N, C-alpha and C. Protein backbone atom coordinates (compact mmCIF):
# COMPACT_ATOMS: atom_id res chain seq x y z
N UNK A 1 5.18 -9.61 -36.11
CA UNK A 1 5.94 -9.71 -34.88
C UNK A 1 5.32 -10.83 -34.05
N UNK A 2 6.15 -11.76 -33.61
CA UNK A 2 5.70 -12.91 -32.84
C UNK A 2 6.12 -12.71 -31.39
N UNK A 3 5.15 -12.88 -30.47
CA UNK A 3 5.46 -12.73 -29.05
C UNK A 3 6.19 -13.96 -28.54
N UNK A 4 7.20 -13.73 -27.72
CA UNK A 4 7.94 -14.83 -27.12
C UNK A 4 7.13 -15.45 -25.98
N UNK A 5 6.34 -14.64 -25.31
CA UNK A 5 5.52 -15.12 -24.19
C UNK A 5 4.14 -15.49 -24.69
N UNK A 6 3.54 -16.54 -24.14
CA UNK A 6 2.18 -16.89 -24.54
C UNK A 6 1.20 -15.84 -24.06
N UNK A 7 0.10 -15.70 -24.79
CA UNK A 7 -0.94 -14.76 -24.38
C UNK A 7 -1.65 -15.30 -23.15
N UNK A 8 -2.00 -14.41 -22.26
CA UNK A 8 -2.71 -14.82 -21.06
C UNK A 8 -4.17 -15.08 -21.41
N UNK A 9 -4.69 -16.19 -20.95
CA UNK A 9 -6.10 -16.51 -21.11
C UNK A 9 -6.71 -16.65 -19.72
N UNK A 10 -8.01 -16.73 -19.68
CA UNK A 10 -8.69 -16.87 -18.40
C UNK A 10 -8.27 -18.17 -17.71
N UNK A 11 -8.12 -19.23 -18.48
CA UNK A 11 -7.72 -20.52 -17.89
C UNK A 11 -6.34 -20.43 -17.26
N UNK A 12 -5.40 -19.79 -17.97
CA UNK A 12 -4.06 -19.62 -17.40
C UNK A 12 -4.09 -18.72 -16.18
N UNK A 13 -4.87 -17.65 -16.27
CA UNK A 13 -4.94 -16.68 -15.19
C UNK A 13 -5.52 -17.28 -13.92
N UNK A 14 -6.54 -18.14 -14.06
CA UNK A 14 -7.21 -18.71 -12.90
C UNK A 14 -6.61 -20.03 -12.44
N UNK A 15 -5.47 -20.41 -12.99
CA UNK A 15 -4.79 -21.61 -12.50
C UNK A 15 -4.23 -21.33 -11.11
N UNK A 16 -3.64 -22.34 -10.49
CA UNK A 16 -3.19 -22.22 -9.10
C UNK A 16 -2.27 -21.02 -8.88
N UNK A 17 -1.23 -20.90 -9.68
CA UNK A 17 -0.29 -19.79 -9.51
C UNK A 17 -0.39 -18.75 -10.62
N UNK A 18 -1.44 -18.82 -11.45
CA UNK A 18 -1.57 -17.91 -12.59
C UNK A 18 -1.71 -16.46 -12.21
N UNK A 19 -2.62 -16.16 -11.29
CA UNK A 19 -2.89 -14.76 -10.94
C UNK A 19 -1.67 -14.08 -10.32
N UNK A 20 -0.99 -14.70 -9.33
CA UNK A 20 0.19 -14.02 -8.78
C UNK A 20 1.28 -13.79 -9.83
N UNK A 21 1.48 -14.76 -10.72
CA UNK A 21 2.51 -14.61 -11.76
C UNK A 21 2.12 -13.48 -12.71
N UNK A 22 0.87 -13.46 -13.15
CA UNK A 22 0.40 -12.42 -14.06
C UNK A 22 0.54 -11.04 -13.43
N UNK A 23 0.09 -10.90 -12.21
CA UNK A 23 0.15 -9.59 -11.55
C UNK A 23 1.59 -9.13 -11.37
N UNK A 24 2.47 -10.06 -11.04
CA UNK A 24 3.88 -9.69 -10.88
C UNK A 24 4.48 -9.26 -12.21
N UNK A 25 4.12 -9.96 -13.30
CA UNK A 25 4.62 -9.57 -14.62
C UNK A 25 4.13 -8.17 -14.99
N UNK A 26 2.86 -7.90 -14.77
CA UNK A 26 2.30 -6.58 -15.09
C UNK A 26 3.00 -5.51 -14.27
N UNK A 27 3.20 -5.80 -12.99
CA UNK A 27 3.85 -4.82 -12.13
C UNK A 27 5.28 -4.54 -12.60
N UNK A 28 6.02 -5.58 -12.96
CA UNK A 28 7.41 -5.38 -13.42
C UNK A 28 7.45 -4.57 -14.71
N UNK A 29 6.58 -4.90 -15.66
CA UNK A 29 6.58 -4.20 -16.94
C UNK A 29 6.24 -2.72 -16.74
N UNK A 30 5.18 -2.46 -16.01
CA UNK A 30 4.74 -1.07 -15.86
C UNK A 30 5.61 -0.28 -14.88
N UNK A 31 6.28 -0.97 -13.97
CA UNK A 31 7.25 -0.28 -13.11
C UNK A 31 8.40 0.23 -13.98
N UNK A 32 8.84 -0.61 -14.93
CA UNK A 32 9.90 -0.18 -15.86
C UNK A 32 9.41 0.96 -16.74
N UNK A 33 8.17 0.87 -17.24
CA UNK A 33 7.61 1.95 -18.05
C UNK A 33 7.52 3.23 -17.24
N UNK A 34 7.12 3.12 -16.00
CA UNK A 34 6.99 4.30 -15.14
C UNK A 34 8.34 5.01 -15.03
N UNK A 35 9.38 4.23 -14.78
CA UNK A 35 10.72 4.84 -14.68
C UNK A 35 11.13 5.46 -16.00
N UNK A 36 10.81 4.79 -17.11
CA UNK A 36 11.14 5.32 -18.43
C UNK A 36 10.41 6.62 -18.72
N UNK A 37 9.12 6.68 -18.38
CA UNK A 37 8.35 7.91 -18.59
C UNK A 37 8.88 9.05 -17.74
N UNK A 38 9.27 8.74 -16.50
CA UNK A 38 9.81 9.78 -15.63
C UNK A 38 11.12 10.33 -16.21
N UNK A 39 12.00 9.44 -16.62
CA UNK A 39 13.28 9.86 -17.18
C UNK A 39 13.07 10.68 -18.46
N UNK A 40 12.18 10.19 -19.32
CA UNK A 40 11.89 10.92 -20.56
C UNK A 40 11.31 12.30 -20.28
N UNK A 41 10.43 12.40 -19.30
CA UNK A 41 9.83 13.70 -18.97
C UNK A 41 10.89 14.69 -18.52
N UNK A 42 11.79 14.25 -17.66
CA UNK A 42 12.84 15.14 -17.16
C UNK A 42 13.79 15.55 -18.29
N UNK A 43 14.21 14.56 -19.09
CA UNK A 43 15.15 14.85 -20.18
C UNK A 43 14.51 15.74 -21.24
N UNK A 44 13.27 15.42 -21.62
CA UNK A 44 12.58 16.19 -22.65
C UNK A 44 12.37 17.64 -22.20
N UNK A 45 11.97 17.80 -20.95
CA UNK A 45 11.76 19.15 -20.43
C UNK A 45 13.06 19.94 -20.48
N UNK A 46 14.12 19.31 -20.02
CA UNK A 46 15.42 20.00 -20.03
C UNK A 46 15.89 20.34 -21.43
N UNK A 47 15.75 19.40 -22.38
CA UNK A 47 16.17 19.65 -23.76
C UNK A 47 15.34 20.74 -24.42
N UNK A 48 14.02 20.74 -24.17
CA UNK A 48 13.17 21.75 -24.80
C UNK A 48 13.40 23.14 -24.21
N UNK A 49 13.75 23.21 -22.94
CA UNK A 49 14.07 24.51 -22.34
C UNK A 49 15.41 25.00 -22.89
N UNK A 50 16.37 24.08 -23.03
CA UNK A 50 17.71 24.46 -23.51
C UNK A 50 17.69 24.82 -25.00
N UNK A 51 16.86 24.13 -25.79
CA UNK A 51 16.80 24.38 -27.24
C UNK A 51 15.35 24.72 -27.61
N UNK A 52 14.92 25.97 -27.35
CA UNK A 52 13.52 26.33 -27.58
C UNK A 52 13.17 26.42 -29.07
N UNK A 53 11.88 26.45 -29.32
CA UNK A 53 11.38 26.65 -30.69
C UNK A 53 11.84 28.04 -31.13
N UNK A 54 12.28 28.18 -32.38
CA UNK A 54 12.73 29.51 -32.83
C UNK A 54 11.63 30.57 -32.64
N UNK A 55 12.00 31.66 -32.05
CA UNK A 55 11.08 32.77 -31.83
C UNK A 55 10.50 32.78 -30.42
N UNK A 56 10.74 31.71 -29.58
CA UNK A 56 10.23 31.67 -28.21
C UNK A 56 11.15 32.46 -27.28
N UNK A 57 10.57 33.19 -26.36
CA UNK A 57 11.38 33.78 -25.30
C UNK A 57 11.53 32.74 -24.19
N UNK A 58 12.18 33.05 -23.09
CA UNK A 58 12.47 32.08 -22.02
C UNK A 58 11.18 31.54 -21.39
N UNK A 59 10.21 32.43 -21.16
CA UNK A 59 8.95 31.99 -20.56
C UNK A 59 8.20 31.04 -21.50
N UNK A 60 8.12 31.38 -22.77
CA UNK A 60 7.43 30.54 -23.74
C UNK A 60 8.13 29.18 -23.88
N UNK A 61 9.44 29.18 -23.83
CA UNK A 61 10.20 27.92 -23.94
C UNK A 61 9.86 27.01 -22.76
N UNK A 62 9.83 27.58 -21.54
CA UNK A 62 9.46 26.76 -20.37
C UNK A 62 8.02 26.27 -20.47
N UNK A 63 7.10 27.12 -20.96
CA UNK A 63 5.69 26.72 -21.10
C UNK A 63 5.56 25.58 -22.11
N UNK A 64 6.20 25.69 -23.24
CA UNK A 64 6.10 24.63 -24.24
C UNK A 64 6.76 23.34 -23.74
N UNK A 65 7.85 23.47 -23.05
CA UNK A 65 8.52 22.28 -22.49
C UNK A 65 7.62 21.62 -21.45
N UNK A 66 6.96 22.43 -20.64
CA UNK A 66 6.05 21.87 -19.63
C UNK A 66 4.88 21.14 -20.28
N UNK A 67 4.30 21.75 -21.35
CA UNK A 67 3.15 21.14 -22.01
C UNK A 67 3.50 19.77 -22.58
N UNK A 68 4.69 19.61 -23.13
CA UNK A 68 5.09 18.32 -23.70
C UNK A 68 5.43 17.33 -22.59
N UNK A 69 6.17 17.77 -21.60
CA UNK A 69 6.62 16.84 -20.55
C UNK A 69 5.48 16.46 -19.59
N UNK A 70 4.45 17.28 -19.50
CA UNK A 70 3.35 16.94 -18.59
C UNK A 70 2.62 15.70 -19.06
N UNK A 71 2.55 15.49 -20.37
CA UNK A 71 1.90 14.27 -20.89
C UNK A 71 2.72 13.04 -20.49
N UNK A 72 4.03 13.17 -20.58
CA UNK A 72 4.88 12.05 -20.15
C UNK A 72 4.73 11.80 -18.64
N UNK A 73 4.58 12.86 -17.87
CA UNK A 73 4.37 12.69 -16.42
C UNK A 73 3.00 12.06 -16.13
N UNK A 74 1.99 12.40 -16.95
CA UNK A 74 0.68 11.76 -16.80
C UNK A 74 0.79 10.28 -17.12
N UNK A 75 1.56 9.95 -18.14
CA UNK A 75 1.77 8.54 -18.48
C UNK A 75 2.50 7.82 -17.34
N UNK A 76 3.41 8.53 -16.70
CA UNK A 76 4.09 7.97 -15.52
C UNK A 76 3.06 7.68 -14.41
N UNK A 77 2.16 8.62 -14.19
CA UNK A 77 1.14 8.45 -13.16
C UNK A 77 0.21 7.27 -13.47
N UNK A 78 -0.16 7.14 -14.74
CA UNK A 78 -1.01 6.03 -15.13
C UNK A 78 -0.29 4.69 -14.94
N UNK A 79 0.98 4.68 -15.25
CA UNK A 79 1.76 3.45 -15.04
C UNK A 79 1.81 3.11 -13.55
N UNK A 80 1.96 4.11 -12.72
CA UNK A 80 1.97 3.88 -11.27
C UNK A 80 0.62 3.32 -10.82
N UNK A 81 -0.47 3.84 -11.37
CA UNK A 81 -1.80 3.34 -11.02
C UNK A 81 -1.96 1.89 -11.46
N UNK A 82 -1.44 1.54 -12.63
CA UNK A 82 -1.53 0.16 -13.10
C UNK A 82 -0.75 -0.77 -12.17
N UNK A 83 0.42 -0.33 -11.72
CA UNK A 83 1.21 -1.13 -10.77
C UNK A 83 0.40 -1.36 -9.49
N UNK A 84 -0.22 -0.31 -8.98
CA UNK A 84 -1.01 -0.43 -7.75
C UNK A 84 -2.24 -1.31 -7.97
N UNK A 85 -2.89 -1.17 -9.12
CA UNK A 85 -4.07 -1.98 -9.40
C UNK A 85 -3.72 -3.45 -9.60
N UNK A 86 -2.56 -3.72 -10.16
CA UNK A 86 -2.13 -5.12 -10.30
C UNK A 86 -1.93 -5.75 -8.93
N UNK A 87 -1.37 -4.99 -8.02
CA UNK A 87 -1.19 -5.48 -6.65
C UNK A 87 -2.55 -5.71 -5.99
N UNK A 88 -3.48 -4.78 -6.20
CA UNK A 88 -4.83 -4.91 -5.63
C UNK A 88 -5.58 -6.09 -6.25
N UNK A 89 -5.38 -6.31 -7.55
CA UNK A 89 -6.01 -7.46 -8.22
C UNK A 89 -5.56 -8.76 -7.59
N UNK A 90 -4.27 -8.91 -7.37
CA UNK A 90 -3.76 -10.13 -6.75
C UNK A 90 -4.30 -10.30 -5.34
N UNK A 91 -4.30 -9.23 -4.56
CA UNK A 91 -4.79 -9.29 -3.18
C UNK A 91 -6.27 -9.67 -3.14
N UNK A 92 -7.07 -9.04 -4.01
CA UNK A 92 -8.50 -9.32 -4.04
C UNK A 92 -8.76 -10.76 -4.48
N UNK A 93 -8.04 -11.21 -5.48
CA UNK A 93 -8.20 -12.60 -5.95
C UNK A 93 -7.87 -13.57 -4.81
N UNK A 94 -6.79 -13.30 -4.09
CA UNK A 94 -6.42 -14.19 -2.98
C UNK A 94 -7.49 -14.19 -1.90
N UNK A 95 -8.05 -13.02 -1.58
CA UNK A 95 -9.09 -12.95 -0.56
C UNK A 95 -10.35 -13.69 -0.98
N UNK A 96 -10.77 -13.48 -2.23
CA UNK A 96 -12.06 -14.01 -2.66
C UNK A 96 -11.99 -15.48 -3.05
N UNK A 97 -11.00 -15.87 -3.82
CA UNK A 97 -10.98 -17.22 -4.36
C UNK A 97 -10.07 -18.19 -3.63
N UNK A 98 -9.21 -17.70 -2.77
CA UNK A 98 -8.33 -18.61 -2.03
C UNK A 98 -8.72 -18.65 -0.55
N UNK A 99 -8.83 -17.49 0.09
CA UNK A 99 -9.09 -17.45 1.53
C UNK A 99 -10.56 -17.63 1.88
N UNK A 100 -11.48 -17.08 1.09
CA UNK A 100 -12.90 -17.15 1.41
C UNK A 100 -13.42 -18.58 1.53
N UNK A 101 -13.08 -19.51 0.62
CA UNK A 101 -13.54 -20.88 0.81
C UNK A 101 -13.01 -21.52 2.10
N UNK A 102 -11.79 -21.18 2.47
CA UNK A 102 -11.23 -21.71 3.73
C UNK A 102 -12.01 -21.16 4.93
N UNK A 103 -12.31 -19.87 4.89
CA UNK A 103 -13.07 -19.25 5.98
C UNK A 103 -14.45 -19.87 6.08
N UNK A 104 -15.09 -20.09 4.92
CA UNK A 104 -16.42 -20.70 4.93
C UNK A 104 -16.38 -22.12 5.48
N UNK A 105 -15.34 -22.87 5.15
CA UNK A 105 -15.20 -24.23 5.71
C UNK A 105 -15.08 -24.18 7.22
N UNK A 106 -14.24 -23.26 7.71
CA UNK A 106 -14.06 -23.13 9.17
C UNK A 106 -15.37 -22.75 9.85
N UNK A 107 -16.11 -21.82 9.24
CA UNK A 107 -17.38 -21.39 9.82
C UNK A 107 -18.40 -22.52 9.80
N UNK A 108 -18.42 -23.31 8.73
CA UNK A 108 -19.36 -24.43 8.65
C UNK A 108 -19.01 -25.48 9.71
N UNK A 109 -17.73 -25.74 9.90
CA UNK A 109 -17.31 -26.70 10.93
C UNK A 109 -17.68 -26.18 12.31
N UNK A 110 -17.46 -24.90 12.55
CA UNK A 110 -17.83 -24.32 13.85
C UNK A 110 -19.33 -24.37 14.06
N UNK A 111 -20.11 -24.15 12.99
CA UNK A 111 -21.56 -24.18 13.10
C UNK A 111 -22.03 -25.61 13.42
N UNK A 112 -21.45 -26.59 12.76
CA UNK A 112 -21.80 -27.99 13.04
C UNK A 112 -21.46 -28.36 14.48
N UNK A 113 -20.31 -27.91 14.94
CA UNK A 113 -19.91 -28.18 16.32
C UNK A 113 -20.89 -27.51 17.29
N UNK A 114 -21.27 -26.29 16.98
CA UNK A 114 -22.22 -25.57 17.83
C UNK A 114 -23.57 -26.28 17.86
N UNK A 115 -24.03 -26.75 16.68
CA UNK A 115 -25.30 -27.48 16.62
C UNK A 115 -25.22 -28.76 17.46
N UNK A 116 -24.10 -29.48 17.35
CA UNK A 116 -23.95 -30.72 18.11
C UNK A 116 -23.94 -30.43 19.61
N UNK A 117 -23.22 -29.39 20.01
CA UNK A 117 -23.18 -29.03 21.42
C UNK A 117 -24.55 -28.58 21.90
N UNK A 118 -25.26 -27.83 21.07
CA UNK A 118 -26.59 -27.35 21.44
C UNK A 118 -27.55 -28.53 21.58
N UNK A 119 -27.48 -29.49 20.67
CA UNK A 119 -28.35 -30.67 20.74
C UNK A 119 -28.05 -31.47 22.01
N UNK A 120 -26.76 -31.60 22.31
CA UNK A 120 -26.37 -32.34 23.51
C UNK A 120 -26.87 -31.60 24.76
N UNK A 121 -26.71 -30.30 24.78
CA UNK A 121 -27.17 -29.50 25.92
C UNK A 121 -28.69 -29.58 26.05
N UNK A 122 -29.39 -29.51 24.93
CA UNK A 122 -30.86 -29.61 24.95
C UNK A 122 -31.29 -30.97 25.47
N UNK A 123 -30.61 -32.01 25.02
CA UNK A 123 -30.94 -33.36 25.48
C UNK A 123 -30.70 -33.48 26.98
N UNK A 124 -29.60 -32.92 27.45
CA UNK A 124 -29.31 -32.97 28.89
C UNK A 124 -30.35 -32.17 29.67
N UNK A 125 -30.72 -31.00 29.15
CA UNK A 125 -31.71 -30.16 29.83
C UNK A 125 -33.06 -30.87 29.85
N UNK A 126 -33.43 -31.46 28.72
CA UNK A 126 -34.71 -32.16 28.65
C UNK A 126 -34.71 -33.35 29.61
N UNK A 127 -33.60 -34.05 29.70
CA UNK A 127 -33.51 -35.18 30.62
C UNK A 127 -33.67 -34.71 32.06
N UNK A 128 -33.02 -33.61 32.40
CA UNK A 128 -33.11 -33.06 33.76
C UNK A 128 -34.54 -32.62 34.06
N UNK A 129 -35.17 -31.95 33.12
CA UNK A 129 -36.55 -31.50 33.32
C UNK A 129 -37.49 -32.70 33.47
N UNK A 130 -37.30 -33.69 32.61
CA UNK A 130 -38.15 -34.89 32.70
C UNK A 130 -38.00 -35.59 34.04
N UNK A 131 -36.77 -35.68 34.50
CA UNK A 131 -36.52 -36.33 35.80
C UNK A 131 -37.19 -35.53 36.92
N UNK A 132 -37.08 -34.22 36.88
CA UNK A 132 -37.67 -33.37 37.90
C UNK A 132 -39.20 -33.49 37.90
N UNK A 133 -39.79 -33.48 36.70
CA UNK A 133 -41.24 -33.60 36.59
C UNK A 133 -41.70 -34.96 37.09
N UNK A 134 -40.99 -36.01 36.72
CA UNK A 134 -41.36 -37.35 37.18
C UNK A 134 -41.31 -37.44 38.70
N UNK A 135 -40.26 -36.82 39.27
CA UNK A 135 -40.14 -36.87 40.73
C UNK A 135 -41.26 -36.07 41.40
N UNK A 136 -41.63 -34.93 40.79
CA UNK A 136 -42.67 -34.10 41.38
C UNK A 136 -44.04 -34.74 41.23
N UNK A 137 -44.26 -35.42 40.12
CA UNK A 137 -45.56 -36.01 39.88
C UNK A 137 -45.67 -37.47 40.32
N UNK A 138 -44.61 -37.98 40.85
CA UNK A 138 -44.63 -39.38 41.30
C UNK A 138 -45.66 -39.52 42.42
N UNK A 139 -46.33 -40.66 42.45
CA UNK A 139 -47.31 -40.86 43.53
C UNK A 139 -46.62 -40.75 44.88
N UNK A 140 -47.15 -39.88 45.70
CA UNK A 140 -46.58 -39.63 47.02
C UNK A 140 -47.41 -40.42 48.04
N UNK A 141 -46.73 -41.05 48.98
CA UNK A 141 -47.46 -41.78 50.02
C UNK A 141 -48.19 -40.81 50.92
N UNK A 142 -49.21 -41.27 51.57
CA UNK A 142 -50.08 -40.42 52.38
C UNK A 142 -49.31 -39.71 53.47
N UNK A 143 -48.36 -40.34 54.10
CA UNK A 143 -47.64 -39.73 55.22
C UNK A 143 -46.65 -38.68 54.78
N UNK A 144 -46.20 -38.74 53.56
CA UNK A 144 -45.18 -37.80 53.09
C UNK A 144 -45.77 -36.51 52.53
N UNK A 145 -47.07 -36.42 52.40
CA UNK A 145 -47.69 -35.25 51.77
C UNK A 145 -47.46 -33.98 52.57
N UNK A 146 -47.40 -34.04 53.81
CA UNK A 146 -47.20 -32.85 54.63
C UNK A 146 -45.79 -32.32 54.48
N UNK A 147 -44.83 -33.19 54.22
CA UNK A 147 -43.44 -32.76 54.09
C UNK A 147 -43.12 -32.19 52.71
N UNK A 148 -43.89 -32.55 51.73
CA UNK A 148 -43.55 -32.13 50.37
C UNK A 148 -43.96 -30.67 50.16
N UNK A 149 -43.30 -30.06 49.18
CA UNK A 149 -43.54 -28.65 48.89
C UNK A 149 -43.93 -28.49 47.42
N UNK A 150 -44.35 -27.31 47.05
CA UNK A 150 -44.60 -27.01 45.64
C UNK A 150 -45.87 -27.67 45.15
N UNK A 151 -45.75 -28.45 44.08
CA UNK A 151 -46.89 -29.06 43.44
C UNK A 151 -47.62 -30.04 44.37
N UNK A 152 -46.87 -30.73 45.21
CA UNK A 152 -47.50 -31.71 46.10
C UNK A 152 -48.49 -31.03 47.04
N UNK A 153 -48.20 -29.81 47.49
CA UNK A 153 -49.10 -29.09 48.37
C UNK A 153 -50.40 -28.76 47.63
N UNK A 154 -50.34 -28.44 46.35
CA UNK A 154 -51.53 -28.16 45.57
C UNK A 154 -52.35 -29.43 45.43
N UNK A 155 -51.70 -30.54 45.19
CA UNK A 155 -52.41 -31.80 45.08
C UNK A 155 -53.08 -32.17 46.40
N UNK A 156 -52.45 -31.83 47.53
CA UNK A 156 -53.04 -32.07 48.85
C UNK A 156 -54.36 -31.32 48.96
N UNK A 157 -54.37 -30.10 48.49
CA UNK A 157 -55.56 -29.26 48.58
C UNK A 157 -56.72 -29.92 47.85
N UNK A 158 -56.45 -30.40 46.62
CA UNK A 158 -57.51 -31.03 45.87
C UNK A 158 -57.95 -32.35 46.49
N UNK A 159 -56.98 -33.08 47.11
CA UNK A 159 -57.34 -34.35 47.73
C UNK A 159 -58.27 -34.11 48.90
N UNK A 160 -58.10 -33.07 49.66
CA UNK A 160 -58.93 -32.79 50.82
C UNK A 160 -60.36 -32.41 50.38
N UNK A 161 -60.50 -31.69 49.28
CA UNK A 161 -61.82 -31.32 48.79
C UNK A 161 -62.61 -32.57 48.39
N UNK A 162 -61.88 -33.49 47.79
CA UNK A 162 -62.55 -34.70 47.31
C UNK A 162 -63.05 -35.53 48.50
N UNK A 163 -62.46 -35.41 49.67
CA UNK A 163 -62.83 -36.27 50.79
C UNK A 163 -64.01 -35.78 51.54
C-alpha cells in the first residue's frame, strides 16, 4: 500500500508552516475517527442488545453489549485526547519557537534602552555633582568667607587655627 501523502519528517514539521498544517491534519483525522467510534459504539450496543448471544437473558445481553461498546467509547475518548493534544502541540510550538524569540528581542531592546538612559542619567548626575563640588571647593575670597555656608565654614575654622 502506497501513501498518497508524504511522510512527515522533522524538517517538514519544523518548517515555517509545517507545525500548524500537521496539527490541523491530525485534528481532522482523529476528529473523524472520534465521530466514527461514537457512532459504532451506539450502533454496536443497540445491535447487541437487540440480538443477544444465544442463552443470554435481558440483563446479560445489556452487560455484554456494554462490555463491547465501552472499548469503542474508550477509543472515542482517546481520539478526543489526541485532538486536544494536537491543538496544544501547535499552541506550545507557537509560544516557544515563534513568539519567544520576538519577546526576547523586545526585552533586549528595552534593556539596551534602559542601559543607555541609565548611563545618560549617571553622566548628568556625575556632572552635577562635579560642578557642585568644584563650586564648594573653589578658592573663596577672604571677604566672602563669612557669607558662605557648609564646607566653607569648616575651612574658616581651620584657617583661624593656622593664624
